[in-house]
Structures are given as structure tokens and as C-alpha cells.
Amino acid sequence: MKTIQQLRLIALLVIIPLFALNAQEKTKMYWIHVDHVKPSMVGEYEAVTKELVKYCSDHNFQGGNWITLSSIDNDYSFIAPIADYSELGNNTFAELYEKVGNEKMNAMWSKMDKCYTDHEDYILHLDTELSYQPGGIDQAPAGMNYRNNRLFYVSPENYSKANELAGKFKELYAKKGSKLHYRVYKSGFGANGTYFMVAVAASDPAAYESMTSENNKLLGAEGQALFRELMSLIDKTETVQGWIRPELGYTAK
């Protein structure tokens, strides 16, 4: 039970701020933990998450930082950059247990556990070479907490072609000077399928739609041709919409 509980706690932790990436790296590995929260328990779930944040702040927790993404489907994602798979076994909340105490920490997790139906963990890889952010990779741009993440599922036989096409998209965006910036992630171990995920940040859904519309006009016929080629390679698409929730995150001081 203790081992299972420790693994459950580790899954919530983000080790460093997501915007502090080395721009020279081609890829960055991320551990994604998702809680599928019951609609009737969203308020209580968020209250418990804030309780965790307060514990961290009150006790000057230095073991790590995290950001939280909540989707319109009440999925709460915690995203941790990791160097390799060995980090998955570290109990990085040990420091907080020592400061807060086992009884209070376990009581907090028990309250959280009743709020969701299930949870899952998987790995994503950020590809900085395929991502288009002229000013540098930034996963938390100020004032742009809305997220539209589109998943493009592809079979192994078409994977290399899709990867090459992603490079062509970036070249076109750069040539046209597009103001729509995006990051490309690739599914890894434990993910539900093989896909490329294109993540776009905006201030709100309306701003996203406006930005997308203007971008489509900017890319014109060249963009339409690339998109048709993309549709011929993929098996299906899926869109995840949500918000970065600063009040549910924590940054060590």
C-alpha cells in the first residue's frame, strides 16, 4: 500500500517550470498524469489541490514545481519534465511529508482520491525542432492560459512521412511570418496510440478561433495543400480544449 501511495503522489509533481527548457535540445520527455474527475466533485477536487499548494507554500517546499491543465471534460493533467525513466521511481514528496506530517498528507490524498473515477500516466516528447515559436519555446506565455491541443493519430507505416510533413508546415509558417505559434509533441510510452499533438495557446476560445482564421488566410493555397496531404496520412484526429490553472500550480521560491 505504501509503495502504491508513493507512486500516486509522484505522478502529481512537476519537477521544473515548463517554460525553462533548453532551446538546444531537440526533444524533451514529459510525464503526464491525468485524473478523470467526477463532474459533481470538481469543486472539492480543486479545493484539495489548493490545499496541497498551500502546504507547499507554507512549508517552502523545494522538491519541485508544477502547473495544472484542466480540460472542458473535467480531466486534470499534471505534466512533469523528466530526464529519463529512472525519475519515475523517485518519491519527490518525501520532503513535504517530513514537514507536514504523514497524518495530514494521507488525509489530503484520501479526500482527493474520492473525487475521480480513474487516472492514467503516459509519456510525451516535445519536439523543439518541429515546434514553431520564433521567440523561443515557451509553454506558459503570459495572458494565454487557454489551450487547444489537437492530436493527429498516425500508423507506423506513415510515421516518417508525417514527421517530414510537420517540418514542411513549420517552414511554411516561418516563411509567411505566422503569428500562430505552436508546439509539437509526440506520443511515447503508455500513450493511447501513436500521434503528433499540436498545442496552441490563446487568451480564450474566441481569440483562438480568430487567430486560426487569420492564419488560414495567411497560409493560403500552400497551407491547404499541406493539410490535404496530412489528412491522407493520418487515421483520426482528436481535440482537447482546456485551461492552464495558475491557482492550482506551485513554484518553489
Protein backbone atom coordinates (compact mmCIF):
# COMPACT_ATOMS: atom_id res chain seq x y z
CA MET A 1 0.00 0.00 0.00
CA LYS A 2 2.81 2.41 0.89
CA THR A 3 4.53 1.83 -2.46
CA ILE A 4 1.31 2.33 -4.41
CA GLN A 5 0.59 5.51 -2.49
CA GLN A 6 4.06 6.89 -3.15
CA LEU A 7 3.72 6.28 -6.88
CA ARG A 8 0.34 8.03 -6.80
CA LEU A 9 1.92 11.09 -5.17
CA ILE A 10 4.86 11.22 -7.52
CA ALA A 11 2.53 11.38 -10.51
CA LEU A 12 1.32 14.83 -9.45
CA LEU A 13 4.72 16.51 -9.36
CA VAL A 14 6.26 18.74 -11.98
CA ILE A 15 9.98 18.96 -11.34
CA ILE A 16 10.78 22.27 -13.08
CA PRO A 17 8.77 25.10 -14.66
CA LEU A 18 7.68 24.06 -18.13
CA PHE A 19 9.00 27.23 -19.75
CA ALA A 20 12.56 26.62 -18.53
CA LEU A 21 13.59 24.44 -21.45
CA ASN A 22 16.96 24.24 -23.14
CA ALA A 23 16.33 25.52 -26.64
CA GLN A 24 19.27 23.48 -27.93
CA GLU A 25 17.57 20.19 -27.14
CA LYS A 26 15.61 18.60 -29.95
CA THR A 27 13.25 16.71 -27.64
CA LYS A 28 12.17 16.84 -24.03
CA MET A 29 10.49 13.98 -22.19
CA TYR A 30 7.35 14.65 -20.15
CA TRP A 31 5.47 12.51 -17.70
CA ILE A 32 1.75 13.21 -17.98
CA HIS A 33 -0.57 12.25 -15.12
CA VAL A 34 -4.31 12.68 -15.66
CA ASP A 35 -7.12 12.48 -13.09
CA HIS A 36 -10.58 11.92 -14.59
CA VAL A 37 -12.63 13.96 -12.13
CA LYS A 38 -16.32 13.36 -11.47
CA PRO A 39 -18.40 16.37 -12.58
CA SER A 40 -20.06 16.54 -9.17
CA MET A 41 -16.68 16.58 -7.40
CA VAL A 42 -14.84 19.27 -9.38
CA GLY A 43 -15.18 21.87 -6.64
CA GLU A 44 -13.90 19.54 -3.93
CA TYR A 45 -11.08 18.26 -6.14
CA GLU A 46 -9.85 21.79 -6.81
CA ALA A 47 -10.14 22.64 -3.10
CA VAL A 48 -7.89 19.68 -2.23
CA THR A 49 -5.39 20.67 -4.92
CA LYS A 50 -5.28 24.18 -3.43
CA GLU A 51 -4.70 22.56 -0.04
CA LEU A 52 -1.63 20.86 -1.50
CA VAL A 53 -0.45 24.16 -2.94
CA LYS A 54 -0.85 25.81 0.46
CA TYR A 55 1.15 23.09 2.18
CA CYS A 56 3.93 23.61 -0.33
CA SER A 57 3.88 27.40 0.08
CA ASP A 58 3.60 27.39 3.87
CA HIS A 59 6.49 24.94 4.23
CA ASN A 60 8.69 26.41 1.46
CA PHE A 61 8.68 23.12 -0.41
CA GLN A 62 11.74 22.91 -2.66
CA GLY A 63 11.17 19.45 -4.12
CA GLY A 64 9.64 20.73 -7.34
CA ASN A 65 7.11 22.92 -9.18
CA TRP A 66 4.04 22.04 -11.22
CA ILE A 67 1.40 23.51 -13.48
CA THR A 68 -2.09 22.13 -13.94
CA LEU A 69 -4.21 21.88 -17.08
CA SER A 70 -7.96 21.30 -16.70
CA SER A 71 -9.93 20.24 -19.77
CA ILE A 72 -13.55 21.03 -20.59
CA ASP A 73 -14.21 17.33 -19.91
CA ASN A 74 -13.03 17.65 -16.28
CA ASP A 75 -9.70 15.93 -16.86
CA TYR A 76 -6.90 17.45 -14.75
CA SER A 77 -3.41 16.95 -16.16
CA PHE A 78 -0.12 17.32 -14.30
CA ILE A 79 2.88 17.48 -16.63
CA ALA A 80 6.39 16.70 -15.44
CA PRO A 81 9.57 17.12 -17.49
CA ILE A 82 11.90 14.23 -16.72
CA ALA A 83 15.43 13.36 -17.80
CA ASP A 84 14.80 9.62 -18.10
CA TYR A 85 12.55 6.83 -16.88
CA SER A 86 14.51 6.36 -13.65
CA GLU A 87 12.89 9.52 -12.28
CA LEU A 88 9.51 7.79 -12.24
CA GLY A 89 10.55 5.89 -9.13
CA ASN A 90 11.60 8.88 -7.04
CA ASN A 91 9.43 9.90 -4.08
CA THR A 92 9.88 13.63 -4.53
CA PHE A 93 7.15 14.46 -1.97
CA ALA A 94 9.25 12.97 0.85
CA GLU A 95 10.34 16.45 1.92
CA LEU A 96 6.74 17.63 2.20
CA TYR A 97 5.77 14.55 4.22
CA GLU A 98 8.51 15.35 6.71
CA LYS A 99 7.34 18.95 7.09
CA VAL A 100 3.57 18.44 7.05
CA GLY A 101 3.36 15.01 8.66
CA ASN A 102 2.05 11.66 7.46
CA GLU A 103 -1.41 12.03 9.01
CA LYS A 104 -2.25 15.35 7.31
CA MET A 105 -0.75 14.33 3.95
CA ASN A 106 -2.54 10.98 3.86
CA ALA A 107 -5.83 12.63 4.85
CA MET A 108 -5.43 15.10 1.98
CA TRP A 109 -4.79 12.36 -0.59
CA SER A 110 -7.78 10.39 0.71
CA LYS A 111 -10.03 13.38 0.05
CA MET A 112 -8.64 13.70 -3.46
CA ASP A 113 -8.99 10.00 -4.27
CA LYS A 114 -12.78 10.06 -3.91
CA CYS A 115 -13.08 12.88 -6.46
CA TYR A 116 -12.06 10.99 -9.62
CA THR A 117 -13.14 7.81 -11.37
CA ASP A 118 -9.73 6.82 -12.68
CA HIS A 119 -6.29 8.15 -13.53
CA GLU A 120 -3.61 7.40 -16.08
CA ASP A 121 0.05 8.10 -16.79
CA TYR A 122 1.97 8.29 -20.03
CA ILE A 123 4.96 9.90 -21.69
CA LEU A 124 5.05 12.71 -24.28
CA HIS A 125 8.08 14.07 -26.11
CA LEU A 126 8.26 17.76 -27.03
CA ASP A 127 10.00 18.17 -30.39
CA THR A 128 11.58 21.61 -30.35
CA GLU A 129 12.76 21.38 -33.96
CA LEU A 130 9.24 20.82 -35.28
CA SER A 131 7.64 23.36 -32.95
CA TYR A 132 7.06 26.89 -34.25
CA GLN A 133 7.79 29.60 -31.67
CA PRO A 134 10.15 32.18 -33.22
CA GLY A 135 10.89 33.81 -29.87
CA GLY A 136 11.87 30.52 -28.22
CA ILE A 137 9.97 27.66 -26.66
CA ASP A 138 7.54 28.95 -24.03
CA GLN A 139 4.88 26.63 -22.65
CA ALA A 140 3.32 29.28 -20.41
CA PRO A 141 3.04 32.56 -22.36
CA ALA A 142 1.64 35.36 -20.21
CA GLY A 143 -2.06 36.04 -20.62
CA MET A 144 -2.59 32.96 -22.80
CA ASN A 145 -3.94 30.25 -20.49
CA TYR A 146 -6.41 28.73 -22.96
CA ARG A 147 -5.14 25.61 -24.72
CA ASN A 148 -6.28 23.89 -27.91
CA ASN A 149 -4.36 20.63 -28.28
CA ARG A 150 -5.04 18.68 -31.46
CA LEU A 151 -3.93 15.06 -31.75
CA PHE A 152 -3.16 13.56 -35.16
CA TYR A 153 -3.06 9.77 -34.96
CA VAL A 154 -0.83 8.04 -37.49
CA SER A 155 0.00 4.41 -38.22
CA PRO A 156 3.66 3.29 -38.06
CA GLU A 157 3.89 2.98 -41.84
CA ASN A 158 3.15 6.70 -42.26
CA TYR A 159 5.04 8.00 -39.23
CA SER A 160 8.19 9.12 -41.05
CA LYS A 161 6.11 10.83 -43.75
CA ALA A 162 4.08 12.66 -41.11
CA ASN A 163 7.28 13.73 -39.37
CA GLU A 164 8.64 15.12 -42.65
CA LEU A 165 5.35 16.92 -43.31
CA ALA A 166 5.49 18.53 -39.86
CA GLY A 167 8.80 20.07 -40.92
CA LYS A 168 7.18 21.45 -44.07
CA PHE A 169 4.43 23.06 -42.01
CA LYS A 170 7.00 24.82 -39.84
CA GLU A 171 8.87 26.06 -42.91
CA LEU A 172 5.66 27.50 -44.36
CA TYR A 173 4.68 29.18 -41.08
CA ALA A 174 8.13 30.74 -40.84
CA LYS A 175 8.12 31.87 -44.48
CA LYS A 176 4.73 33.53 -44.05
CA GLY A 177 5.63 35.03 -40.66
CA SER A 178 2.62 33.43 -38.99
CA LYS A 179 1.52 34.83 -35.63
CA LEU A 180 0.00 31.48 -34.65
CA HIS A 181 2.66 29.71 -32.60
CA TYR A 182 2.52 26.05 -31.67
CA ARG A 183 4.46 23.22 -30.07
CA VAL A 184 4.64 19.67 -31.42
CA TYR A 185 4.61 16.69 -29.06
CA LYS A 186 4.98 13.02 -29.95
CA SER A 187 3.30 10.22 -28.02
CA GLY A 188 5.53 7.91 -26.03
CA PHE A 189 5.37 5.03 -23.57
CA GLY A 190 1.89 4.42 -22.15
CA ALA A 191 0.10 6.80 -24.52
CA ASN A 192 -3.19 5.68 -26.01
CA GLY A 193 -2.00 5.37 -29.60
CA THR A 194 0.67 6.86 -31.84
CA TYR A 195 0.16 10.53 -32.56
CA PHE A 196 1.57 14.02 -33.04
CA MET A 197 -0.01 16.62 -30.76
CA VAL A 198 -0.07 20.26 -31.83
CA ALA A 199 -0.55 22.58 -28.84
CA VAL A 200 -1.70 26.18 -29.35
CA ALA A 201 -2.06 28.80 -26.61
CA ALA A 202 -4.50 31.72 -26.71
CA SER A 203 -6.19 34.10 -24.28
CA ASP A 204 -9.58 32.44 -24.76
CA PRO A 205 -11.52 30.31 -27.30
CA ALA A 206 -12.68 33.33 -29.28
CA ALA A 207 -9.11 34.58 -29.65
CA TYR A 208 -8.04 31.12 -30.77
CA GLU A 209 -10.74 30.98 -33.45
CA SER A 210 -9.84 34.46 -34.71
CA MET A 211 -6.13 33.63 -34.78
CA THR A 212 -6.79 30.37 -36.63
CA SER A 213 -8.99 32.07 -39.21
CA GLU A 214 -6.37 34.73 -39.92
CA ASN A 215 -3.67 32.10 -40.13
CA ASN A 216 -5.61 30.05 -42.67
CA LYS A 217 -5.92 33.13 -44.88
CA LEU A 218 -2.20 33.83 -44.48
CA LEU A 219 -1.10 30.32 -45.44
CA GLY A 220 -3.49 30.27 -48.40
CA ALA A 221 -3.29 27.57 -51.06
CA GLU A 222 0.07 26.29 -49.81
CA GLY A 223 -1.37 25.63 -46.39
CA GLN A 224 -4.43 23.94 -47.82
CA ALA A 225 -2.26 21.62 -49.91
CA LEU A 226 -0.17 20.61 -46.89
CA PHE A 227 -3.29 19.98 -44.83
CA ARG A 228 -4.79 17.75 -47.54
CA GLU A 229 -1.55 15.77 -47.59
CA LEU A 230 -1.70 15.47 -43.81
CA MET A 231 -5.27 14.16 -43.93
CA SER A 232 -4.17 11.48 -46.38
CA LEU A 233 -1.59 10.20 -43.87
CA ILE A 234 -3.44 10.17 -40.56
CA ASP A 235 -6.00 7.74 -39.16
CA LYS A 236 -8.04 10.13 -36.99
CA THR A 237 -7.89 13.40 -35.06
CA GLU A 238 -8.89 14.41 -31.55
CA THR A 239 -9.08 17.84 -29.93
CA VAL A 240 -8.52 18.58 -26.24
CA GLN A 241 -9.54 22.03 -25.03
CA GLY A 242 -8.73 23.38 -21.61
CA TRP A 243 -7.08 25.98 -19.42
CA ILE A 244 -3.81 26.32 -17.58
CA ARG A 245 -4.80 26.87 -13.93
CA PRO A 246 -2.16 29.01 -12.16
CA GLU A 247 -4.03 28.83 -8.84
CA LEU A 248 -3.67 25.06 -8.88
CA GLY A 249 0.06 25.20 -9.51
CA TYR A 250 3.11 25.91 -7.39
CA THR A 251 6.55 27.39 -7.98
CA ALA A 252 9.27 26.98 -5.38
CA LYS A 253 10.68 30.29 -4.12
